[in-house]
Amino acid sequence: MVELRYLGVLSIEIGNQNEFIRAHTFSDVFKHINKCYGKHIAKLAKRMVITLNAVDIRLLNGIKTQLSDNDIISFYPPAAGG
């Protein structure tokens, strides 16, 4: 199982800060989010900064990165400011 950690507006929209699911790919993760929380939330999650075990997935293989048991996937709101 992998742990999903929702931060910022995503945790407010979902009403939960974390959950554990069975997933082998990020495709599985987004299918779960879409099925449980709807298309709007899945779209919002895809716009977040996503990390796998504290490493930005853009530095790995992006959404093609394979997942393993005990992985932690975190969804952070994008930073803004000046």
Protein backbone atom coordinates (compact mmCIF):
# COMPACT_ATOMS: atom_id res chain seq x y z
CA MET A 1 0.00 0.00 0.00
CA VAL A 2 1.05 3.60 -0.55
CA GLU A 3 0.18 6.61 1.57
CA LEU A 4 -1.40 9.66 -0.05
CA ARG A 5 -0.88 12.94 1.81
CA TYR A 6 -3.09 15.84 0.78
CA LEU A 7 -2.00 19.35 1.72
CA GLY A 8 -3.51 22.81 1.35
CA VAL A 9 -6.75 23.27 -0.55
CA LEU A 10 -6.77 19.63 -1.64
CA SER A 11 -7.09 18.41 1.96
CA ILE A 12 -9.93 20.90 2.50
CA GLU A 13 -11.76 19.81 -0.66
CA ILE A 14 -11.35 16.11 0.16
CA GLY A 15 -11.95 16.54 3.88
CA ASN A 16 -8.99 14.32 4.69
CA GLN A 17 -5.25 14.79 5.02
CA ASN A 18 -4.09 11.27 4.22
CA GLU A 19 -5.18 7.79 3.23
CA PHE A 20 -3.67 4.45 2.27
CA ILE A 21 -4.45 2.78 -1.05
CA ARG A 22 -3.17 -0.04 -3.22
CA ALA A 23 -1.42 1.45 -6.25
CA HIS A 24 1.45 0.44 -8.50
CA THR A 25 1.49 3.51 -10.74
CA PHE A 26 0.45 7.14 -10.60
CA SER A 27 -2.28 6.22 -13.05
CA ASP A 28 -3.74 4.01 -10.28
CA VAL A 29 -3.50 6.95 -7.86
CA PHE A 30 -5.36 9.35 -10.16
CA LYS A 31 -8.00 6.72 -10.96
CA HIS A 32 -8.59 6.32 -7.22
CA ILE A 33 -8.88 10.08 -6.68
CA ASN A 34 -11.25 10.44 -9.65
CA LYS A 35 -13.43 7.53 -8.51
CA CYS A 36 -13.60 8.57 -4.83
CA TYR A 37 -13.64 12.37 -5.10
CA GLY A 38 -14.62 13.22 -8.67
CA LYS A 39 -13.13 14.65 -11.82
CA HIS A 40 -12.71 18.16 -10.38
CA ILE A 41 -10.54 16.91 -7.50
CA ALA A 42 -8.49 14.64 -9.81
CA LYS A 43 -7.82 17.62 -12.07
CA LEU A 44 -6.82 19.73 -9.06
CA ALA A 45 -4.49 16.97 -7.78
CA LYS A 46 -2.69 16.81 -11.14
CA ARG A 47 -1.89 20.54 -10.87
CA MET A 48 -0.24 20.13 -7.48
CA VAL A 49 3.47 19.67 -6.84
CA ILE A 50 3.67 15.91 -6.33
CA THR A 51 6.45 14.21 -4.41
CA LEU A 52 7.33 10.57 -3.96
CA ASN A 53 9.17 9.96 -0.70
CA ALA A 54 10.00 13.70 -0.54
CA VAL A 55 11.41 13.83 -4.11
CA ASP A 56 9.58 15.85 -6.76
CA ILE A 57 8.32 13.34 -9.33
CA ARG A 58 9.48 15.68 -12.12
CA LEU A 59 13.02 14.72 -11.04
CA LEU A 60 12.12 11.04 -11.37
CA ASN A 61 10.06 9.58 -14.22
CA GLY A 62 7.08 11.88 -13.74
CA ILE A 63 3.74 10.11 -13.61
CA LYS A 64 5.40 7.06 -15.20
CA THR A 65 7.35 6.48 -11.97
CA GLN A 66 6.60 3.05 -10.51
CA LEU A 67 5.36 2.83 -6.93
CA SER A 68 6.33 0.38 -4.19
CA ASP A 69 4.79 -0.63 -0.89
CA ASN A 70 5.26 1.97 1.85
CA ASP A 71 5.85 4.82 -0.61
CA ILE A 72 4.56 8.23 0.48
CA ILE A 73 2.99 10.45 -2.18
CA SER A 74 2.39 14.05 -1.16
CA PHE A 75 0.36 16.67 -3.01
CA TYR A 76 1.54 20.24 -2.30
CA PRO A 77 -0.13 23.41 -3.55
CA PRO A 78 2.09 25.25 -6.02
CA ALA A 79 4.03 28.11 -4.45
CA ALA A 80 3.37 31.64 -5.59
CA GLY A 81 4.42 35.06 -4.55
CA GLY A 82 6.97 37.66 -5.19
